[in-house]
PDB file of N, CA and C in Angstrom:
ATOM      1  N   MET A   1     -13.558  45.530  -7.913  1.00  0.00           N
ATOM      2  CA  MET A   1     -14.305  45.427  -6.543  1.00  0.00           C
ATOM      3  C   MET A   1     -14.044  46.582  -6.282  1.00  0.00           C
ATOM      4  N   ARG A   2     -15.040  47.041  -5.259  1.00  0.00           N
ATOM      5  CA  ARG A   2     -15.217  48.686  -4.669  1.00  0.00           C
ATOM      6  C   ARG A   2     -14.773  48.147  -3.142  1.00  0.00           C
ATOM      7  N   THR A   3     -13.784  48.442  -2.908  1.00  0.00           N
ATOM      8  CA  THR A   3     -12.992  48.326  -1.313  1.00  0.00           C
ATOM      9  C   THR A   3     -13.563  49.371  -0.251  1.00  0.00           C
ATOM     10  N   THR A   4     -14.041  48.551   0.680  1.00  0.00           N
ATOM     11  CA  THR A   4     -15.331  49.584   2.315  1.00  0.00           C
ATOM     12  C   THR A   4     -14.020  49.406   2.878  1.00  0.00           C
ATOM     13  N   THR A   5     -14.436  50.158   3.890  1.00  0.00           N
ATOM     14  CA  THR A   5     -13.774  50.171   5.179  1.00  0.00           C
ATOM     15  C   THR A   5     -13.497  48.938   6.124  1.00  0.00           C
ATOM     16  N   ARG A   6     -14.490  48.690   6.348  1.00  0.00           N
ATOM     17  CA  ARG A   6     -14.786  46.854   6.417  1.00  0.00           C
ATOM     18  C   ARG A   6     -13.971  45.946   6.181  1.00  0.00           C
ATOM     19  N   ASN A   7     -14.101  46.000   4.803  1.00  0.00           N
ATOM     20  CA  ASN A   7     -12.929  44.842   4.640  1.00  0.00           C
ATOM     21  C   ASN A   7     -11.511  45.076   4.690  1.00  0.00           C
ATOM     22  N   VAL A   8     -11.560  46.374   4.587  1.00  0.00           N
ATOM     23  CA  VAL A   8     -10.123  47.137   5.075  1.00  0.00           C
ATOM     24  C   VAL A   8      -9.604  46.540   6.213  1.00  0.00           C
ATOM     25  N   VAL A   9     -10.274  46.868   7.306  1.00  0.00           N
ATOM     26  CA  VAL A   9      -9.889  46.375   8.421  1.00  0.00           C
ATOM     27  C   VAL A   9      -9.781  45.065   8.716  1.00  0.00           C
ATOM     28  N   ALA A  10     -10.789  44.524   8.258  1.00  0.00           N
ATOM     29  CA  ALA A  10     -10.826  42.965   8.615  1.00  0.00           C
ATOM     30  C   ALA A  10      -9.559  42.513   8.000  1.00  0.00           C
ATOM     31  N   THR A  11      -9.175  42.795   6.875  1.00  0.00           N
ATOM     32  CA  THR A  11      -8.108  42.271   6.261  1.00  0.00           C
ATOM     33  C   THR A  11      -7.066  42.595   6.781  1.00  0.00           C
ATOM     34  N   VAL A  12      -6.785  43.710   7.614  1.00  0.00           N
ATOM     35  CA  VAL A  12      -5.716  44.230   8.138  1.00  0.00           C
ATOM     36  C   VAL A  12      -5.858  43.601   9.386  1.00  0.00           C
ATOM     37  N   LEU A  13      -6.871  43.211  10.021  1.00  0.00           N
ATOM     38  CA  LEU A  13      -6.916  42.000  11.282  1.00  0.00           C
ATOM     39  C   LEU A  13      -6.391  40.890  10.919  1.00  0.00           C
ATOM     40  N   VAL A  14      -6.481  40.007   9.783  1.00  0.00           N
ATOM     41  CA  VAL A  14      -6.043  38.706   9.679  1.00  0.00           C
ATOM     42  C   VAL A  14      -4.247  39.102   8.886  1.00  0.00           C
ATOM     43  N   ALA A  15      -4.197  39.843   8.397  1.00  0.00           N
ATOM     44  CA  ALA A  15      -2.551  40.165   8.539  1.00  0.00           C
ATOM     45  C   ALA A  15      -2.024  39.982   9.629  1.00  0.00           C
ATOM     46  N   MET A  16      -2.928  40.553  11.158  1.00  0.00           N
ATOM     47  CA  MET A  16      -1.878  40.938  11.992  1.00  0.00           C
ATOM     48  C   MET A  16      -2.011  39.273  13.090  1.00  0.00           C
ATOM     49  N   ILE A  17      -2.782  38.386  12.217  1.00  0.00           N
ATOM     50  CA  ILE A  17      -2.702  37.147  13.151  1.00  0.00           C
ATOM     51  C   ILE A  17      -1.773  36.507  12.068  1.00  0.00           C
ATOM     52  N   LEU A  18      -1.651  36.528  10.439  1.00  0.00           N
ATOM     53  CA  LEU A  18      -0.598  35.615   9.721  1.00  0.00           C
ATOM     54  C   LEU A  18       0.560  36.181  10.351  1.00  0.00           C
ATOM     55  N   LEU A  19       1.128  37.339  10.028  1.00  0.00           N
ATOM     56  CA  LEU A  19       2.325  37.654  10.329  1.00  0.00           C
ATOM     57  C   LEU A  19       3.119  37.366  11.744  1.00  0.00           C
ATOM     58  N   PRO A  20       2.671  37.573  12.724  1.00  0.00           N
ATOM     59  CA  PRO A  20       3.079  36.842  13.577  1.00  0.00           C
ATOM     60  C   PRO A  20       3.214  35.238  13.915  1.00  0.00           C
ATOM     61  N   TYR A  21       2.325  34.784  13.358  1.00  0.00           N
ATOM     62  CA  TYR A  21       2.203  33.483  12.703  1.00  0.00           C
ATOM     63  C   TYR A  21       3.146  32.827  11.859  1.00  0.00           C
ATOM     64  N   LEU A  22       3.893  33.628  10.578  1.00  0.00           N
ATOM     65  CA  LEU A  22       4.729  33.313   9.984  1.00  0.00           C
ATOM     66  C   LEU A  22       6.143  33.008  10.670  1.00  0.00           C
ATOM     67  N   GLY A  23       6.279  34.427  11.264  1.00  0.00           N
ATOM     68  CA  GLY A  23       7.649  34.896  12.424  1.00  0.00           C
ATOM     69  C   GLY A  23       7.509  33.605  12.912  1.00  0.00           C
ATOM     70  N   TYR A  24       6.367  33.603  13.916  1.00  0.00           N
ATOM     71  CA  TYR A  24       6.570  31.888  14.753  1.00  0.00           C
ATOM     72  C   TYR A  24       7.000  30.871  14.111  1.00  0.00           C
ATOM     73  N   VAL A  25       6.637  30.313  13.263  1.00  0.00           N
ATOM     74  CA  VAL A  25       7.095  29.617  12.491  1.00  0.00           C
ATOM     75  C   VAL A  25       8.717  29.639  12.255  1.00  0.00           C
ATOM     76  N   VAL A  26       9.076  30.862  11.605  1.00  0.00           N
ATOM     77  CA  VAL A  26      10.536  30.962  11.403  1.00  0.00           C
ATOM     78  C   VAL A  26      11.274  31.218  12.162  1.00  0.00           C
ATOM     79  N   ALA A  27      11.057  31.642  13.417  1.00  0.00           N
ATOM     80  CA  ALA A  27      12.068  31.798  14.484  1.00  0.00           C
ATOM     81  C   ALA A  27      11.285  30.776  15.360  1.00  0.00           C
ATOM     82  N   ASP A  28      10.290  30.478  15.884  1.00  0.00           N
ATOM     83  CA  ASP A  28       9.856  29.733  17.097  1.00  0.00           C
ATOM     84  C   ASP A  28       9.440  30.421  18.054  1.00  0.00           C
ATOM     85  N   GLU A  29       8.972  31.758  17.510  1.00  0.00           N
ATOM     86  CA  GLU A  29       9.041  32.321  18.827  1.00  0.00           C
ATOM     87  C   GLU A  29       8.849  33.683  17.993  1.00  0.00           C
ATOM     88  N   MET A  30       8.133  34.698  18.698  1.00  0.00           N
ATOM     89  CA  MET A  30       7.794  36.275  18.563  1.00  0.00           C
ATOM     90  C   MET A  30       7.693  37.017  19.589  1.00  0.00           C
ATOM     91  N   PRO A  31       8.139  38.527  19.734  1.00  0.00           N
ATOM     92  CA  PRO A  31       7.463  38.803  20.796  1.00  0.00           C
ATOM     93  C   PRO A  31       6.192  38.801  21.647  1.00  0.00           C
ATOM     94  N   PHE A  32       6.090  38.415  22.661  1.00  0.00           N
ATOM     95  CA  PHE A  32       4.644  38.369  23.231  1.00  0.00           C
ATOM     96  C   PHE A  32       4.266  36.839  23.354  1.00  0.00           C
ATOM     97  N   ILE A  33       4.683  35.987  21.735  1.00  0.00           N
ATOM     98  CA  ILE A  33       4.312  35.171  21.410  1.00  0.00           C
ATOM     99  C   ILE A  33       5.135  33.943  21.815  1.00  0.00           C
ATOM    100  N   LYS A  34       5.473  33.060  22.480  1.00  0.00           N
ATOM    101  CA  LYS A  34       6.068  31.978  23.138  1.00  0.00           C
ATOM    102  C   LYS A  34       6.381  30.893  22.682  1.00  0.00           C
ATOM    103  N   ASP A  35       4.760  30.181  22.590  1.00  0.00           N
ATOM    104  CA  ASP A  35       4.193  28.709  22.041  1.00  0.00           C
ATOM    105  C   ASP A  35       2.931  29.054  21.260  1.00  0.00           C
ATOM    106  N   PRO A  36       2.893  27.629  20.829  1.00  0.00           N
ATOM    107  CA  PRO A  36       1.705  27.582  20.458  1.00  0.00           C
ATOM    108  C   PRO A  36       0.012  28.349  20.759  1.00  0.00           C
ATOM    109  N   ARG A  37      -0.045  28.110  22.132  1.00  0.00           N
ATOM    110  CA  ARG A  37      -0.980  28.730  22.963  1.00  0.00           C
ATOM    111  C   ARG A  37      -1.322  30.451  22.755  1.00  0.00           C
ATOM    112  N   GLY A  38       0.214  30.722  23.156  1.00  0.00           N
ATOM    113  CA  GLY A  38       0.383  32.232  22.632  1.00  0.00           C
ATOM    114  C   GLY A  38      -0.193  32.877  21.547  1.00  0.00           C
ATOM    115  N   MET A  39       0.289  31.703  20.586  1.00  0.00           N
ATOM    116  CA  MET A  39      -0.072  32.166  19.092  1.00  0.00           C
ATOM    117  C   MET A  39      -1.771  31.641  19.192  1.00  0.00           C
ATOM    118  N   ALA A  40      -2.131  30.727  19.478  1.00  0.00           N
ATOM    119  CA  ALA A  40      -3.466  30.297  19.424  1.00  0.00           C
ATOM    120  C   ALA A  40      -4.426  31.648  19.750  1.00  0.00           C
ATOM    121  N   ALA A  41      -4.049  31.726  21.054  1.00  0.00           N
ATOM    122  CA  ALA A  41      -4.938  33.230  21.454  1.00  0.00           C
ATOM    123  C   ALA A  41      -5.122  34.857  21.021  1.00  0.00           C
ATOM    124  N   THR A  42      -3.924  34.925  20.056  1.00  0.00           N
ATOM    125  CA  THR A  42      -3.153  35.564  19.012  1.00  0.00           C
ATOM    126  C   THR A  42      -4.615  35.732  18.194  1.00  0.00           C
ATOM    127  N   GLY A  43      -4.517  34.809  17.768  1.00  0.00           N
ATOM    128  CA  GLY A  43      -5.366  34.922  16.486  1.00  0.00           C
ATOM    129  C   GLY A  43      -6.680  34.267  16.764  1.00  0.00           C
ATOM    130  N   LEU A  44      -7.405  33.798  18.680  1.00  0.00           N
ATOM    131  CA  LEU A  44      -8.882  34.197  18.548  1.00  0.00           C
ATOM    132  C   LEU A  44      -9.156  35.553  18.525  1.00  0.00           C
ATOM    133  N   ILE A  45      -8.576  36.015  19.706  1.00  0.00           N
ATOM    134  CA  ILE A  45      -8.328  37.529  19.761  1.00  0.00           C
ATOM    135  C   ILE A  45      -9.329  38.122  18.500  1.00  0.00           C
ATOM    136  N   LEU A  46      -8.026  38.392  17.549  1.00  0.00           N
ATOM    137  CA  LEU A  46      -7.959  39.032  16.611  1.00  0.00           C
ATOM    138  C   LEU A  46      -8.517  38.677  15.848  1.00  0.00           C
ATOM    139  N   GLY A  47      -9.061  37.406  15.564  1.00  0.00           N
ATOM    140  CA  GLY A  47     -10.701  36.954  14.478  1.00  0.00           C
ATOM    141  C   GLY A  47     -11.734  37.220  15.182  1.00  0.00           C
ATOM    142  N   ILE A  48     -12.003  37.119  16.726  1.00  0.00           N
ATOM    143  CA  ILE A  48     -13.184  37.855  16.888  1.00  0.00           C
ATOM    144  C   ILE A  48     -13.383  39.422  16.470  1.00  0.00           C
ATOM    145  N   ALA A  49     -12.636  40.153  16.537  1.00  0.00           N
ATOM    146  CA  ALA A  49     -12.124  41.301  16.081  1.00  0.00           C
ATOM    147  C   ALA A  49     -12.841  41.630  14.879  1.00  0.00           C
ATOM    148  N   ALA A  50     -12.304  40.664  13.936  1.00  0.00           N
ATOM    149  CA  ALA A  50     -12.650  40.645  12.557  1.00  0.00           C
ATOM    150  C   ALA A  50     -13.767  40.427  12.004  1.00  0.00           C
ATOM    151  N   VAL A  51     -14.355  39.588  13.069  1.00  0.00           N
ATOM    152  CA  VAL A  51     -16.120  39.488  13.069  1.00  0.00           C
ATOM    153  C   VAL A  51     -16.815  40.466  13.612  1.00  0.00           C
ATOM    154  N   LEU A  52     -15.954  41.109  14.739  1.00  0.00           N
ATOM    155  CA  LEU A  52     -17.207  42.251  14.944  1.00  0.00           C
ATOM    156  C   LEU A  52     -16.845  43.227  13.457  1.00  0.00           C
ATOM    157  N   VAL A  53     -15.831  43.388  13.071  1.00  0.00           N
ATOM    158  CA  VAL A  53     -15.977  44.321  11.974  1.00  0.00           C
ATOM    159  C   VAL A  53     -16.909  44.381  10.968  1.00  0.00           C
ATOM    160  N   ALA A  54     -16.952  42.708  10.887  1.00  0.00           N
ATOM    161  CA  ALA A  54     -17.721  42.236   9.367  1.00  0.00           C
ATOM    162  C   ALA A  54     -19.128  42.023  10.302  1.00  0.00           C
ATOM    163  N   SER A  55     -19.893  42.336  11.478  1.00  0.00           N
ATOM    164  CA  SER A  55     -20.827  41.835  12.101  1.00  0.00           C
ATOM    165  C   SER A  55     -21.642  41.817  11.366  1.00  0.00           C
ATOM    166  N   ARG A  56     -22.474  42.918  10.689  1.00  0.00           N
ATOM    167  CA  ARG A  56     -23.523  42.542   9.573  1.00  0.00           C
ATOM    168  C   ARG A  56     -23.752  42.283   8.637  1.00  0.00           C
ATOM    169  N   ASP A  57     -22.517  41.327   7.896  1.00  0.00           N
ATOM    170  CA  ASP A  57     -22.685  40.493   7.008  1.00  0.00           C
ATOM    171  C   ASP A  57     -22.829  39.046   7.280  1.00  0.00           C
ATOM    172  N   VAL A  58     -22.266  38.842   8.806  1.00  0.00           N
ATOM    173  CA  VAL A  58     -21.581  37.622   9.415  1.00  0.00           C
ATOM    174  C   VAL A  58     -23.074  36.628   9.189  1.00  0.00           C
ATOM    175  N   PHE A  59     -24.138  37.117   9.143  1.00  0.00           N
ATOM    176  CA  PHE A  59     -25.038  35.930   9.223  1.00  0.00           C
ATOM    177  C   PHE A  59     -26.189  36.411   7.520  1.00  0.00           C
ATOM    178  N   ALA A  60     -25.557  37.204   6.557  1.00  0.00           N
ATOM    179  CA  ALA A  60     -26.653  37.388   5.684  1.00  0.00           C
ATOM    180  C   ALA A  60     -26.703  36.347   5.017  1.00  0.00           C
ATOM    181  N   PRO A  61     -27.967  35.934   4.352  1.00  0.00           N
ATOM    182  CA  PRO A  61     -28.277  35.113   3.658  1.00  0.00           C
ATOM    183  C   PRO A  61     -27.237  34.833   2.029  1.00  0.00           C
ATOM    184  N   GLY A  62     -27.269  33.669   1.548  1.00  0.00           N
ATOM    185  CA  GLY A  62     -26.801  33.347   0.526  1.00  0.00           C
ATOM    186  C   GLY A  62     -25.670  32.278   0.747  1.00  0.00           C
ATOM    187  N   PRO A  63     -25.126  31.845  -0.504  1.00  0.00           N
ATOM    188  CA  PRO A  63     -24.675  30.428   0.025  1.00  0.00           C
ATOM    189  C   PRO A  63     -23.333  30.758   0.074  1.00  0.00           C
ATOM    190  N   ARG A  64     -22.478  31.960  -0.237  1.00  0.00           N
ATOM    191  CA  ARG A  64     -21.215  32.014  -0.055  1.00  0.00           C
ATOM    192  C   ARG A  64     -20.684  32.834   1.242  1.00  0.00           C
ATOM    193  N   HIS A  65     -22.114  33.321   1.872  1.00  0.00           N
ATOM    194  CA  HIS A  65     -22.079  34.134   3.297  1.00  0.00           C
ATOM    195  C   HIS A  65     -21.713  32.761   4.218  1.00  0.00           C
ATOM    196  N   ARG A  66     -22.667  31.493   4.144  1.00  0.00           N
ATOM    197  CA  ARG A  66     -23.104  30.520   4.941  1.00  0.00           C
ATOM    198  C   ARG A  66     -21.870  30.102   5.095  1.00  0.00           C
ATOM    199  N   ALA A  67     -21.139  29.629   3.260  1.00  0.00           N
ATOM    200  CA  ALA A  67     -19.933  29.579   3.223  1.00  0.00           C
ATOM    201  C   ALA A  67     -19.181  29.938   4.436  1.00  0.00           C
ATOM    202  N   ALA A  68     -18.652  31.021   4.651  1.00  0.00           N
ATOM    203  CA  ALA A  68     -17.650  31.820   5.169  1.00  0.00           C
ATOM    204  C   ALA A  68     -18.184  31.744   6.643  1.00  0.00           C
ATOM    205  N   LEU A  69     -19.525  31.617   7.226  1.00  0.00           N
ATOM    206  CA  LEU A  69     -19.868  31.231   8.548  1.00  0.00           C
ATOM    207  C   LEU A  69     -19.309  30.012   8.785  1.00  0.00           C
ATOM    208  N   VAL A  70     -19.770  29.098   8.004  1.00  0.00           N
ATOM    209  CA  VAL A  70     -19.238  27.759   8.562  1.00  0.00           C
ATOM    210  C   VAL A  70     -17.508  27.485   8.651  1.00  0.00           C
ATOM    211  N   SER A  71     -17.142  28.113   8.037  1.00  0.00           N
ATOM    212  CA  SER A  71     -15.675  28.019   8.131  1.00  0.00           C
ATOM    213  C   SER A  71     -15.343  28.686   9.070  1.00  0.00           C
ATOM    214  N   GLY A  72     -15.839  30.001   9.266  1.00  0.00           N
ATOM    215  CA  GLY A  72     -15.592  30.441  10.330  1.00  0.00           C
ATOM    216  C   GLY A  72     -15.809  29.836  11.635  1.00  0.00           C
ATOM    217  N   LEU A  73     -17.026  29.089  11.852  1.00  0.00           N
ATOM    218  CA  LEU A  73     -16.946  28.030  12.940  1.00  0.00           C
ATOM    219  C   LEU A  73     -15.938  27.500  13.300  1.00  0.00           C
ATOM    220  N   VAL A  74     -15.616  26.540  12.540  1.00  0.00           N
ATOM    221  CA  VAL A  74     -14.740  25.620  12.391  1.00  0.00           C
ATOM    222  C   VAL A  74     -13.426  26.289  12.589  1.00  0.00           C
ATOM    223  N   ALA A  75     -13.396  27.701  11.770  1.00  0.00           N
ATOM    224  CA  ALA A  75     -11.677  27.785  12.708  1.00  0.00           C
ATOM    225  C   ALA A  75     -11.887  28.726  14.274  1.00  0.00           C
ATOM    226  N   LEU A  76     -13.217  28.591  14.350  1.00  0.00           N
ATOM    227  CA  LEU A  76     -13.102  29.092  16.072  1.00  0.00           C
ATOM    228  C   LEU A  76     -12.994  27.934  16.812  1.00  0.00           C
ATOM    229  N   ALA A  77     -13.394  26.300  16.385  1.00  0.00           N
ATOM    230  CA  ALA A  77     -13.395  25.446  17.224  1.00  0.00           C
ATOM    231  C   ALA A  77     -11.826  25.109  17.267  1.00  0.00           C
ATOM    232  N   LEU A  78     -11.187  25.396  15.883  1.00  0.00           N
ATOM    233  CA  LEU A  78      -9.860  24.896  15.851  1.00  0.00           C
ATOM    234  C   LEU A  78      -8.817  25.846  16.498  1.00  0.00           C
ATOM    235  N   GLY A  79      -9.083  27.115  16.647  1.00  0.00           N
ATOM    236  CA  GLY A  79      -8.700  27.868  17.913  1.00  0.00           C
ATOM    237  C   GLY A  79      -8.989  27.681  19.104  1.00  0.00           C
ATOM    238  N   ILE A  80      -9.925  27.503  19.778  1.00  0.00           N
ATOM    239  CA  ILE A  80     -10.340  26.674  20.870  1.00  0.00           C
ATOM    240  C   ILE A  80      -9.496  25.453  21.300  1.00  0.00           C
ATOM    241  N   ALA A  81      -9.475  24.439  20.470  1.00  0.00           N
ATOM    242  CA  ALA A  81      -8.897  23.326  20.582  1.00  0.00           C
ATOM    243  C   ALA A  81      -7.492  23.577  20.924  1.00  0.00           C
ATOM    244  N   ALA A  82      -6.964  24.730  19.612  1.00  0.00           N
ATOM    245  CA  ALA A  82      -5.089  24.999  20.210  1.00  0.00           C
ATOM    246  C   ALA A  82      -5.083  25.327  20.916  1.00  0.00           C
ATOM    247  N   LEU A  83      -5.780  26.257  21.500  1.00  0.00           N
ATOM    248  CA  LEU A  83      -5.422  26.902  23.046  1.00  0.00           C
ATOM    249  C   LEU A  83      -5.712  25.813  23.963  1.00  0.00           C
ATOM    250  N   TRP A  84      -6.607  25.241  23.903  1.00  0.00           N
ATOM    251  CA  TRP A  84      -6.586  24.286  24.940  1.00  0.00           C
ATOM    252  C   TRP A  84      -5.441  23.171  25.138  1.00  0.00           C
ATOM    253  N   ALA A  85      -5.224  22.661  23.536  1.00  0.00           N
ATOM    254  CA  ALA A  85      -4.193  21.701  23.537  1.00  0.00           C
ATOM    255  C   ALA A  85      -2.643  22.280  23.681  1.00  0.00           C
ATOM    256  N   GLU A  86      -2.361  22.915  23.926  1.00  0.00           N
ATOM    257  CA  GLU A  86      -1.253  24.031  24.062  1.00  0.00           C
ATOM    258  C   GLU A  86      -0.008  23.842  23.564  1.00  0.00           C
ATOM    259  N   THR A  87       0.609  23.103  22.583  1.00  0.00           N
ATOM    260  CA  THR A  87       1.459  22.991  22.503  1.00  0.00           C
ATOM    261  C   THR A  87       0.994  22.116  20.848  1.00  0.00           C
ATOM    262  N   SER A  88       0.298  21.948  20.617  1.00  0.00           N
ATOM    263  CA  SER A  88      -0.063  21.377  19.089  1.00  0.00           C
ATOM    264  C   SER A  88       0.127  21.903  17.985  1.00  0.00           C
ATOM    265  N   GLU A  89       1.331  21.758  17.506  1.00  0.00           N
ATOM    266  CA  GLU A  89       1.360  22.728  16.049  1.00  0.00           C
ATOM    267  C   GLU A  89       0.709  22.381  14.695  1.00  0.00           C
ATOM    268  N   THR A  90       0.004  21.054  14.933  1.00  0.00           N
ATOM    269  CA  THR A  90      -0.891  21.006  13.846  1.00  0.00           C
ATOM    270  C   THR A  90      -2.150  21.462  14.360  1.00  0.00           C
ATOM    271  N   LEU A  91      -2.513  21.878  14.659  1.00  0.00           N
ATOM    272  CA  LEU A  91      -3.660  22.382  15.848  1.00  0.00           C
ATOM    273  C   LEU A  91      -4.200  23.609  15.518  1.00  0.00           C
ATOM    274  N   LEU A  92      -2.553  24.113  15.207  1.00  0.00           N
ATOM    275  CA  LEU A  92      -2.136  25.857  15.181  1.00  0.00           C
ATOM    276  C   LEU A  92      -2.661  26.196  13.460  1.00  0.00           C
ATOM    277  N   ALA A  93      -1.814  25.158  13.422  1.00  0.00           N
ATOM    278  CA  ALA A  93      -1.149  25.463  11.361  1.00  0.00           C
ATOM    279  C   ALA A  93      -2.823  25.298  10.697  1.00  0.00           C
ATOM    280  N   SER A  94      -3.856  23.997  11.513  1.00  0.00           N
ATOM    281  CA  SER A  94      -5.153  24.141  10.857  1.00  0.00           C
ATOM    282  C   SER A  94      -6.177  25.292  11.055  1.00  0.00           C
ATOM    283  N   PHE A  95      -5.737  25.791  12.391  1.00  0.00           N
ATOM    284  CA  PHE A  95      -6.743  27.235  12.502  1.00  0.00           C
ATOM    285  C   PHE A  95      -6.053  28.013  11.420  1.00  0.00           C
ATOM    286  N   MET A  96      -4.873  28.393  11.712  1.00  0.00           N
ATOM    287  CA  MET A  96      -4.462  29.320  10.715  1.00  0.00           C
ATOM    288  C   MET A  96      -4.818  29.231   9.278  1.00  0.00           C
ATOM    289  N   ALA A  97      -5.219  28.408   8.880  1.00  0.00           N
ATOM    290  CA  ALA A  97      -5.744  27.727   7.695  1.00  0.00           C
ATOM    291  C   ALA A  97      -6.803  28.073   7.218  1.00  0.00           C
ATOM    292  N   ALA A  98      -7.961  27.929   8.547  1.00  0.00           N
ATOM    293  CA  ALA A  98      -9.021  27.877   8.801  1.00  0.00           C
ATOM    294  C   ALA A  98      -9.338  29.575   8.563  1.00  0.00           C
ATOM    295  N   ILE A  99      -8.530  29.975   9.075  1.00  0.00           N
ATOM    296  CA  ILE A  99      -8.970  31.919   8.833  1.00  0.00           C
ATOM    297  C   ILE A  99      -8.743  32.253   7.623  1.00  0.00           C
ATOM    298  N   VAL A 100      -7.781  31.378   6.982  1.00  0.00           N
ATOM    299  CA  VAL A 100      -7.175  32.058   5.806  1.00  0.00           C
ATOM    300  C   VAL A 100      -8.422  31.856   4.923  1.00  0.00           C
ATOM    301  N   VAL A 101      -9.104  30.402   4.865  1.00  0.00           N
ATOM    302  CA  VAL A 101      -9.911  30.463   4.164  1.00  0.00           C
ATOM    303  C   VAL A 101     -11.519  31.263   4.625  1.00  0.00           C
ATOM    304  N   THR A 102     -11.465  31.451   5.782  1.00  0.00           N
ATOM    305  CA  THR A 102     -12.817  32.235   5.995  1.00  0.00           C
ATOM    306  C   THR A 102     -12.355  33.518   5.724  1.00  0.00           C
ATOM    307  N   TRP A 103     -11.446  34.287   5.311  1.00  0.00           N
ATOM    308  CA  TRP A 103     -11.175  35.793   4.932  1.00  0.00           C
ATOM    309  C   TRP A 103     -11.370  35.754   3.668  1.00  0.00           C
ATOM    310  N   CYS A 104     -10.995  34.914   3.040  1.00  0.00           N
ATOM    311  CA  CYS A 104     -11.183  34.726   1.451  1.00  0.00           C
ATOM    312  C   CYS A 104     -12.773  34.035   1.178  1.00  0.00           C
ATOM    313  N   LEU A 105     -13.515  33.166   1.721  1.00  0.00           N
ATOM    314  CA  LEU A 105     -14.842  33.386   1.460  1.00  0.00           C
ATOM    315  C   LEU A 105     -15.793  34.360   1.955  1.00  0.00           C
ATOM    316  N   GLY A 106     -15.233  35.388   3.283  1.00  0.00           N
ATOM    317  CA  GLY A 106     -16.017  36.535   3.112  1.00  0.00           C
ATOM    318  C   GLY A 106     -15.392  37.672   2.401  1.00  0.00           C
ATOM    319  N   GLU A 107     -14.644  37.138   1.281  1.00  0.00           N
ATOM    320  CA  GLU A 107     -14.353  38.079   0.664  1.00  0.00           C
ATOM    321  C   GLU A 107     -15.654  38.173  -0.960  1.00  0.00           C
ATOM    322  N   LEU A 108     -15.172  36.869  -0.844  1.00  0.00           N
ATOM    323  CA  LEU A 108     -15.715  36.799  -2.091  1.00  0.00           C
ATOM    324  C   LEU A 108     -17.599  36.588  -2.499  1.00  0.00           C
ATOM    325  N   ALA A 109     -18.131  36.735  -0.735  1.00  0.00           N
ATOM    326  CA  ALA A 109     -19.342  36.778   0.122  1.00  0.00           C
ATOM    327  C   ALA A 109     -19.168  38.725  -0.740  1.00  0.00           C
ATOM    328  N   ALA A 110     -18.491  39.007  -0.329  1.00  0.00           N
ATOM    329  CA  ALA A 110     -18.673  40.538  -0.297  1.00  0.00           C
ATOM    330  C   ALA A 110     -18.428  40.871  -2.046  1.00  0.00           C
ATOM    331  N   MET A 111     -17.663  40.342  -2.783  1.00  0.00           N
ATOM    332  CA  MET A 111     -17.833  40.717  -4.133  1.00  0.00           C
ATOM    333  C   MET A 111     -19.244  40.508  -5.066  1.00  0.00           C
ATOM    334  N   GLN A 112     -19.679  39.254  -4.332  1.00  0.00           N
ATOM    335  CA  GLN A 112     -21.005  38.659  -4.698  1.00  0.00           C
ATOM    336  C   GLN A 112     -22.324  39.749  -4.295  1.00  0.00           C
ATOM    337  N   ASN A 113     -22.136  40.430  -3.266  1.00  0.00           N
ATOM    338  CA  ASN A 113     -23.196  41.481  -3.081  1.00  0.00           C
ATOM    339  C   ASN A 113     -22.957  43.000  -3.588  1.00  0.00           C
ATOM    340  N   GLU A 114     -21.631  42.788  -4.201  1.00  0.00           N
ATOM    341  CA  GLU A 114     -21.019  44.228  -4.529  1.00  0.00           C
ATOM    342  C   GLU A 114     -21.785  43.727  -6.335  1.00  0.00           C
ATOM    343  N   HIS A 115     -21.683  42.856  -6.821  1.00  0.00           N
ATOM    344  CA  HIS A 115     -22.251  42.918  -8.553  1.00  0.00           C
ATOM    345  C   HIS A 115     -23.506  42.301  -8.335  1.00  0.00           C
ATOM    346  N   ARG A 116     -24.208  41.761  -7.335  1.00  0.00           N
ATOM    347  CA  ARG A 116     -25.762  42.037  -7.069  1.00  0.00           C
ATOM    348  C   ARG A 116     -26.218  43.457  -6.814  1.00  0.00           C
ATOM    349  N   ASP A 117     -25.927  44.274  -5.911  1.00  0.00           N
ATOM    350  CA  ASP A 117     -25.962  45.567  -5.977  1.00  0.00           C
ATOM    351  C   ASP A 117     -26.293  46.250  -7.574  1.00  0.00           C
ATOM    352  N   ARG A 118     -24.918  46.091  -7.917  1.00  0.00           N
ATOM    353  CA  ARG A 118     -24.512  46.473  -9.518  1.00  0.00           C
ATOM    354  C   ARG A 118     -25.828  46.591 -10.729  1.00  0.00           C
ATOM    355  N   GLN A 119     -25.914  45.299 -10.447  1.00  0.00           N
ATOM    356  CA  GLN A 119     -27.143  44.470 -11.363  1.00  0.00           C
ATOM    357  C   GLN A 119     -28.792  45.055 -11.084  1.00  0.00           C
ATOM    358  N   LEU A 120     -28.582  45.556  -9.724  1.00  0.00           N
ATOM    359  CA  LEU A 120     -30.265  45.560  -9.111  1.00  0.00           C
ATOM    360  C   LEU A 120     -30.061  47.622 -10.230  1.00  0.00           C
ATOM    361  N   THR A 121     -28.946  48.248  -9.492  1.00  0.00           N
ATOM    362  CA  THR A 121     -28.723  49.547  -9.826  1.00  0.00           C
ATOM    363  C   THR A 121     -29.388  49.700 -11.427  1.00  0.00           C
ATOM    364  N   ALA A 122     -28.676  49.048 -11.984  1.00  0.00           N
ATOM    365  CA  ALA A 122     -28.368  48.493 -13.906  1.00  0.00           C
ATOM    366  C   ALA A 122     -29.730  48.444 -14.043  1.00  0.00           C
ATOM    367  N   ARG A 123     -30.804  47.684 -13.261  1.00  0.00           N
ATOM    368  CA  ARG A 123     -32.373  47.222 -13.785  1.00  0.00           C
ATOM    369  C   ARG A 123     -33.247  48.617 -13.651  1.00  0.00           C
ATOM    370  N   HIS A 124     -32.531  48.931 -12.786  1.00  0.00           N
ATOM    371  CA  HIS A 124     -33.853  50.648 -12.323  1.00  0.00           C
ATOM    372  C   HIS A 124     -33.205  51.782 -12.860  1.00  0.00           C
ATOM    373  N   ASN A 125     -32.063  51.814 -13.665  1.00  0.00           N
ATOM    374  CA  ASN A 125     -31.840  53.281 -14.465  1.00  0.00           C
ATOM    375  C   ASN A 125     -32.381  53.242 -15.710  1.00  0.00           C
TER     376      ASN A 125
END
């Protein structure tokens, strides 16, 4: 798989969500993140930034892109719910899991696009 700048930036943004979450789970707080609400806000802000990085692919046709879009909408809803609930560790964990699923589906969709592009190039050569 060819790595694009957008994939790398999106991956870094997802890592910037997950690493503080892991620290939060282990230590019960991180610098600037004292409760589930702060962690949910961090996840929402960085998650939205990751979507903006992948903006061109968010609404691309294809089943993998649609699955990533649906998963992203579920993650957004869970993030808003975790932010609103303020103290729900279960909602926060579900939100983090949805972020990981969305990222995985987005990467699978990117691989599908690259495979399709290779096939088209091979046909025309």
